[in-house]
Amino acid sequence: MEINTIKGENYIAFQIIGNFDQHGAMYLRNILINDYLIGEAVPAALPHVIFDFTQIESISSSGIGLLASLQRTFNRSNKLLSLTKIPHSLQQILKVANLIGVFTIYKSIEEAVANKPPLS
């Protein structure tokens, strides 16, 4: 798995490339903790984080578990986490796991940045 990072004025986007399996989930978690200090909370400097799945090949339960855990962390920190370009197979997995409504999903990074809801 590879990760490309796009930094914008009010967001950071991570493009996930390849297989988002247990190894990939641990790799991404280490990047988030070590490089962006996202652990039990989300730093104030990161108001909006986007995960783009345009080039994902597959996702395992470890990848889905990491996304769900991150969503809880972002909710507790009153920060935004958005997913973009979710492939149909991942949408079906999220529906079956009853997680589809947990995430804010957009068609593109540009749409996520333009339509992000205000923080409460």
N, C-alpha and C. Protein backbone atom coordinates (compact mmCIF):
# COMPACT_ATOMS: atom_id res chain seq x y z
N MET A 1 0.84 -1.17 0.00
CA MET A 1 0.00 0.00 0.00
C MET A 1 0.88 1.24 0.00
N GLU A 2 0.46 2.23 -0.73
CA GLU A 2 1.11 3.53 -0.75
C GLU A 2 0.12 4.59 -0.29
N ILE A 3 0.66 5.71 0.17
CA ILE A 3 -0.18 6.83 0.58
C ILE A 3 0.40 8.10 0.00
N ASN A 4 -0.40 8.80 -0.78
CA ASN A 4 -0.03 10.14 -1.25
C ASN A 4 -0.74 11.14 -0.36
N THR A 5 -0.05 12.22 -0.03
CA THR A 5 -0.61 13.24 0.85
C THR A 5 -0.78 14.54 0.08
N ILE A 6 -1.97 15.14 0.22
CA ILE A 6 -2.27 16.43 -0.38
C ILE A 6 -2.64 17.37 0.75
N LYS A 7 -1.89 18.45 0.89
CA LYS A 7 -2.17 19.42 1.95
C LYS A 7 -2.80 20.66 1.35
N GLY A 8 -3.95 21.02 1.88
CA GLY A 8 -4.64 22.24 1.47
C GLY A 8 -4.65 23.23 2.62
N GLU A 9 -5.30 24.35 2.40
CA GLU A 9 -5.33 25.39 3.42
C GLU A 9 -6.03 24.94 4.69
N ASN A 10 -7.16 24.26 4.54
CA ASN A 10 -7.94 23.84 5.71
C ASN A 10 -8.17 22.34 5.78
N TYR A 11 -7.35 21.58 5.09
CA TYR A 11 -7.53 20.13 5.07
C TYR A 11 -6.23 19.43 4.71
N ILE A 12 -6.24 18.13 4.96
CA ILE A 12 -5.17 17.26 4.47
C ILE A 12 -5.88 16.02 3.93
N ALA A 13 -5.47 15.58 2.76
CA ALA A 13 -6.07 14.40 2.14
C ALA A 13 -5.01 13.31 1.97
N PHE A 14 -5.41 12.10 2.26
CA PHE A 14 -4.56 10.94 2.10
C PHE A 14 -5.16 10.07 1.01
N GLN A 15 -4.43 9.88 -0.07
CA GLN A 15 -4.87 9.00 -1.15
C GLN A 15 -4.31 7.61 -0.87
N ILE A 16 -5.21 6.66 -0.67
CA ILE A 16 -4.83 5.29 -0.36
C ILE A 16 -4.69 4.53 -1.69
N ILE A 17 -3.53 3.93 -1.91
CA ILE A 17 -3.25 3.24 -3.17
C ILE A 17 -2.89 1.78 -2.86
N GLY A 18 -3.63 0.86 -3.46
CA GLY A 18 -3.33 -0.56 -3.28
C GLY A 18 -4.27 -1.25 -2.32
N ASN A 19 -3.73 -2.20 -1.58
CA ASN A 19 -4.52 -3.01 -0.65
C ASN A 19 -4.47 -2.43 0.76
N PHE A 20 -5.63 -2.08 1.26
CA PHE A 20 -5.75 -1.51 2.61
C PHE A 20 -6.05 -2.66 3.56
N ASP A 21 -5.02 -3.46 3.82
CA ASP A 21 -5.14 -4.64 4.66
C ASP A 21 -4.57 -4.35 6.05
N GLN A 22 -4.30 -5.39 6.82
CA GLN A 22 -3.78 -5.21 8.18
C GLN A 22 -2.45 -4.45 8.16
N HIS A 23 -1.56 -4.81 7.26
CA HIS A 23 -0.27 -4.13 7.15
C HIS A 23 -0.49 -2.65 6.78
N GLY A 24 -1.36 -2.41 5.81
CA GLY A 24 -1.65 -1.03 5.38
C GLY A 24 -2.29 -0.21 6.48
N ALA A 25 -3.18 -0.83 7.25
CA ALA A 25 -3.84 -0.12 8.34
C ALA A 25 -2.82 0.28 9.41
N MET A 26 -1.89 -0.61 9.72
CA MET A 26 -0.85 -0.30 10.71
C MET A 26 0.07 0.80 10.17
N TYR A 27 0.40 0.73 8.89
CA TYR A 27 1.25 1.74 8.26
C TYR A 27 0.59 3.11 8.32
N LEU A 28 -0.70 3.18 7.95
CA LEU A 28 -1.42 4.45 8.00
C LEU A 28 -1.54 4.95 9.44
N ARG A 29 -1.85 4.07 10.36
CA ARG A 29 -1.97 4.47 11.78
C ARG A 29 -0.65 5.07 12.28
N ASN A 30 0.47 4.47 11.93
CA ASN A 30 1.77 4.99 12.34
C ASN A 30 2.03 6.37 11.75
N ILE A 31 1.67 6.57 10.50
CA ILE A 31 1.83 7.89 9.88
C ILE A 31 0.97 8.93 10.61
N LEU A 32 -0.28 8.57 10.89
CA LEU A 32 -1.17 9.52 11.56
C LEU A 32 -0.67 9.88 12.95
N ILE A 33 -0.17 8.90 13.68
CA ILE A 33 0.32 9.15 15.03
C ILE A 33 1.65 9.91 15.00
N ASN A 34 2.61 9.42 14.23
CA ASN A 34 3.96 9.98 14.26
C ASN A 34 4.10 11.30 13.50
N ASP A 35 3.46 11.42 12.35
CA ASP A 35 3.63 12.61 11.52
C ASP A 35 2.58 13.69 11.78
N TYR A 36 1.37 13.29 12.21
CA TYR A 36 0.28 14.25 12.36
C TYR A 36 -0.29 14.32 13.77
N LEU A 37 0.28 13.55 14.68
CA LEU A 37 -0.08 13.55 16.11
C LEU A 37 -1.55 13.25 16.35
N ILE A 38 -2.12 12.41 15.49
CA ILE A 38 -3.51 11.98 15.68
C ILE A 38 -3.46 10.69 16.49
N GLY A 39 -3.86 10.79 17.74
CA GLY A 39 -3.87 9.63 18.62
C GLY A 39 -5.22 9.53 19.29
N GLU A 40 -5.28 9.88 20.55
CA GLU A 40 -6.55 9.89 21.28
C GLU A 40 -7.39 11.11 20.91
N ALA A 41 -6.74 12.11 20.33
CA ALA A 41 -7.43 13.33 19.90
C ALA A 41 -6.81 13.79 18.59
N VAL A 42 -7.46 14.76 17.97
CA VAL A 42 -6.98 15.33 16.71
C VAL A 42 -6.49 16.74 16.99
N PRO A 43 -5.27 17.07 16.57
CA PRO A 43 -4.73 18.41 16.83
C PRO A 43 -5.60 19.51 16.20
N ALA A 44 -5.60 20.65 16.83
CA ALA A 44 -6.38 21.79 16.34
C ALA A 44 -5.98 22.20 14.93
N ALA A 45 -4.74 21.96 14.56
CA ALA A 45 -4.24 22.35 13.24
C ALA A 45 -4.81 21.48 12.11
N LEU A 46 -5.56 20.43 12.45
CA LEU A 46 -6.14 19.53 11.44
C LEU A 46 -7.67 19.56 11.52
N PRO A 47 -8.30 20.60 11.00
CA PRO A 47 -9.75 20.69 11.10
C PRO A 47 -10.50 19.70 10.20
N HIS A 48 -9.86 19.24 9.10
CA HIS A 48 -10.56 18.36 8.16
C HIS A 48 -9.55 17.40 7.53
N VAL A 49 -9.78 16.12 7.72
CA VAL A 49 -8.94 15.09 7.12
C VAL A 49 -9.81 14.28 6.17
N ILE A 50 -9.25 14.03 4.97
CA ILE A 50 -9.98 13.32 3.92
C ILE A 50 -9.18 12.07 3.53
N PHE A 51 -9.88 10.96 3.41
CA PHE A 51 -9.27 9.74 2.89
C PHE A 51 -9.88 9.48 1.52
N ASP A 52 -9.02 9.45 0.50
CA ASP A 52 -9.45 9.26 -0.88
C ASP A 52 -9.13 7.83 -1.31
N PHE A 53 -10.16 7.12 -1.79
CA PHE A 53 -10.01 5.72 -2.15
C PHE A 53 -10.07 5.49 -3.66
N THR A 54 -9.71 6.50 -4.45
CA THR A 54 -9.74 6.39 -5.90
C THR A 54 -8.94 5.20 -6.40
N GLN A 55 -7.79 4.93 -5.79
CA GLN A 55 -6.89 3.90 -6.29
C GLN A 55 -6.78 2.69 -5.36
N ILE A 56 -7.79 2.47 -4.55
CA ILE A 56 -7.76 1.32 -3.64
C ILE A 56 -8.09 0.06 -4.43
N GLU A 57 -7.41 -1.03 -4.09
CA GLU A 57 -7.68 -2.31 -4.74
C GLU A 57 -8.57 -3.19 -3.87
N SER A 58 -8.32 -3.18 -2.57
CA SER A 58 -9.14 -3.96 -1.65
C SER A 58 -8.99 -3.38 -0.25
N ILE A 59 -9.92 -3.76 0.61
CA ILE A 59 -9.86 -3.32 2.01
C ILE A 59 -10.23 -4.51 2.90
N SER A 60 -9.51 -4.66 3.99
CA SER A 60 -9.79 -5.76 4.92
C SER A 60 -10.53 -5.22 6.13
N SER A 61 -10.88 -6.12 7.02
CA SER A 61 -11.56 -5.71 8.25
C SER A 61 -10.66 -4.80 9.09
N SER A 62 -9.35 -4.95 8.97
CA SER A 62 -8.42 -4.08 9.70
C SER A 62 -8.52 -2.65 9.19
N GLY A 63 -8.63 -2.48 7.88
CA GLY A 63 -8.78 -1.15 7.30
C GLY A 63 -10.08 -0.51 7.71
N ILE A 64 -11.16 -1.28 7.68
CA ILE A 64 -12.47 -0.76 8.09
C ILE A 64 -12.45 -0.43 9.57
N GLY A 65 -11.83 -1.28 10.37
CA GLY A 65 -11.73 -1.03 11.82
C GLY A 65 -10.97 0.26 12.11
N LEU A 66 -9.88 0.49 11.38
CA LEU A 66 -9.12 1.73 11.58
C LEU A 66 -9.98 2.94 11.21
N LEU A 67 -10.69 2.88 10.11
CA LEU A 67 -11.56 4.01 9.72
C LEU A 67 -12.62 4.29 10.77
N ALA A 68 -13.24 3.24 11.30
CA ALA A 68 -14.27 3.41 12.33
C ALA A 68 -13.66 4.02 13.60
N SER A 69 -12.49 3.54 13.99
CA SER A 69 -11.81 4.09 15.16
C SER A 69 -11.45 5.55 14.96
N LEU A 70 -10.95 5.87 13.78
CA LEU A 70 -10.61 7.28 13.48
C LEU A 70 -11.85 8.16 13.51
N GLN A 71 -12.97 7.64 12.99
CA GLN A 71 -14.20 8.43 12.99
C GLN A 71 -14.61 8.78 14.42
N ARG A 72 -14.51 7.82 15.34
CA ARG A 72 -14.83 8.09 16.75
C ARG A 72 -13.89 9.15 17.32
N THR A 73 -12.59 9.04 17.02
CA THR A 73 -11.62 10.02 17.50
C THR A 73 -11.93 11.41 16.96
N PHE A 74 -12.25 11.50 15.68
CA PHE A 74 -12.58 12.79 15.08
C PHE A 74 -13.86 13.36 15.68
N ASN A 75 -14.86 12.52 15.92
CA ASN A 75 -16.10 12.99 16.54
C ASN A 75 -15.83 13.55 17.93
N ARG A 76 -15.04 12.84 18.72
CA ARG A 76 -14.71 13.31 20.08
C ARG A 76 -13.96 14.63 20.05
N SER A 77 -13.14 14.83 19.01
CA SER A 77 -12.32 16.04 18.90
C SER A 77 -13.04 17.16 18.16
N ASN A 78 -14.29 16.92 17.76
CA ASN A 78 -15.08 17.91 17.01
C ASN A 78 -14.36 18.33 15.72
N LYS A 79 -13.78 17.35 15.03
CA LYS A 79 -13.08 17.56 13.76
C LYS A 79 -13.78 16.76 12.67
N LEU A 80 -13.48 17.08 11.42
CA LEU A 80 -14.14 16.43 10.30
C LEU A 80 -13.27 15.35 9.67
N LEU A 81 -13.87 14.21 9.41
CA LEU A 81 -13.25 13.13 8.67
C LEU A 81 -14.17 12.81 7.51
N SER A 82 -13.65 12.88 6.29
CA SER A 82 -14.45 12.59 5.10
C SER A 82 -13.79 11.48 4.30
N LEU A 83 -14.62 10.69 3.62
CA LEU A 83 -14.15 9.66 2.71
C LEU A 83 -14.57 10.05 1.31
N THR A 84 -13.70 9.80 0.32
CA THR A 84 -14.06 10.09 -1.06
C THR A 84 -13.76 8.91 -1.96
N LYS A 85 -14.48 8.88 -3.07
CA LYS A 85 -14.30 7.86 -4.11
C LYS A 85 -14.37 6.44 -3.55
N ILE A 86 -15.42 6.19 -2.78
CA ILE A 86 -15.60 4.87 -2.19
C ILE A 86 -16.05 3.90 -3.30
N PRO A 87 -15.28 2.85 -3.56
CA PRO A 87 -15.71 1.89 -4.58
C PRO A 87 -16.98 1.15 -4.14
N HIS A 88 -17.72 0.66 -5.11
CA HIS A 88 -18.98 -0.02 -4.83
C HIS A 88 -18.80 -1.17 -3.83
N SER A 89 -17.72 -1.94 -3.97
CA SER A 89 -17.50 -3.07 -3.07
C SER A 89 -17.36 -2.61 -1.61
N LEU A 90 -16.66 -1.49 -1.40
CA LEU A 90 -16.51 -0.96 -0.04
C LEU A 90 -17.83 -0.41 0.46
N GLN A 91 -18.60 0.23 -0.41
CA GLN A 91 -19.92 0.73 -0.01
C GLN A 91 -20.78 -0.43 0.49
N GLN A 92 -20.74 -1.56 -0.22
CA GLN A 92 -21.54 -2.72 0.18
C GLN A 92 -21.09 -3.26 1.53
N ILE A 93 -19.79 -3.32 1.76
CA ILE A 93 -19.27 -3.79 3.05
C ILE A 93 -19.74 -2.87 4.17
N LEU A 94 -19.65 -1.55 3.95
CA LEU A 94 -20.09 -0.60 4.97
C LEU A 94 -21.58 -0.71 5.24
N LYS A 95 -22.37 -0.98 4.20
CA LYS A 95 -23.81 -1.16 4.39
C LYS A 95 -24.11 -2.40 5.22
N VAL A 96 -23.47 -3.52 4.87
CA VAL A 96 -23.69 -4.77 5.59
C VAL A 96 -23.26 -4.64 7.05
N ALA A 97 -22.16 -3.91 7.29
CA ALA A 97 -21.65 -3.72 8.65
C ALA A 97 -22.41 -2.61 9.38
N ASN A 98 -23.40 -2.02 8.72
CA ASN A 98 -24.21 -0.94 9.29
C ASN A 98 -23.35 0.27 9.65
N LEU A 99 -22.34 0.56 8.81
CA LEU A 99 -21.43 1.67 9.05
C LEU A 99 -21.54 2.78 8.00
N ILE A 100 -22.34 2.58 6.97
CA ILE A 100 -22.39 3.54 5.88
C ILE A 100 -22.81 4.93 6.37
N GLY A 101 -23.70 5.00 7.33
CA GLY A 101 -24.16 6.29 7.85
C GLY A 101 -23.21 6.94 8.84
N VAL A 102 -22.18 6.21 9.24
CA VAL A 102 -21.22 6.72 10.21
C VAL A 102 -20.27 7.73 9.57
N PHE A 103 -20.01 7.53 8.28
CA PHE A 103 -19.02 8.34 7.57
C PHE A 103 -19.67 9.40 6.69
N THR A 104 -18.96 10.50 6.51
CA THR A 104 -19.35 11.52 5.54
C THR A 104 -18.61 11.17 4.26
N ILE A 105 -19.37 10.89 3.20
CA ILE A 105 -18.79 10.39 1.95
C ILE A 105 -19.07 11.37 0.82
N TYR A 106 -18.04 11.66 0.04
CA TYR A 106 -18.14 12.55 -1.11
C TYR A 106 -17.60 11.85 -2.35
N LYS A 107 -17.91 12.41 -3.51
CA LYS A 107 -17.46 11.85 -4.78
C LYS A 107 -16.01 12.19 -5.09
N SER A 108 -15.49 13.30 -4.54
CA SER A 108 -14.13 13.72 -4.82
C SER A 108 -13.58 14.54 -3.66
N ILE A 109 -12.28 14.74 -3.66
CA ILE A 109 -11.64 15.60 -2.65
C ILE A 109 -12.18 17.02 -2.78
N GLU A 110 -12.33 17.48 -4.02
CA GLU A 110 -12.81 18.84 -4.25
C GLU A 110 -14.22 19.03 -3.68
N GLU A 111 -15.07 18.04 -3.85
CA GLU A 111 -16.42 18.12 -3.31
C GLU A 111 -16.39 18.11 -1.78
N ALA A 112 -15.54 17.29 -1.19
CA ALA A 112 -15.42 17.24 0.27
C ALA A 112 -14.98 18.58 0.83
N VAL A 113 -14.01 19.22 0.17
CA VAL A 113 -13.51 20.51 0.63
C VAL A 113 -14.59 21.58 0.47
N ALA A 114 -15.30 21.56 -0.66
CA ALA A 114 -16.32 22.58 -0.93
C ALA A 114 -17.56 22.44 -0.07
N ASN A 115 -17.92 21.20 0.30
CA ASN A 115 -19.18 20.96 0.99
C ASN A 115 -19.05 20.54 2.44
N LYS A 116 -17.88 20.71 3.00
CA LYS A 116 -17.73 20.24 4.37
C LYS A 116 -18.71 20.97 5.27
N PRO A 117 -19.39 20.23 6.14
CA PRO A 117 -20.35 20.85 7.04
C PRO A 117 -19.63 21.68 8.11
N PRO A 118 -20.29 22.71 8.61
CA PRO A 118 -19.65 23.51 9.66
C PRO A 118 -19.49 22.69 10.94
N LEU A 119 -18.45 22.98 11.69
CA LEU A 119 -18.25 22.31 12.97
C LEU A 119 -19.26 22.83 13.97
N SER A 120 -19.74 21.94 14.81
CA SER A 120 -20.73 22.38 15.81
C SER A 120 -20.05 22.85 17.08
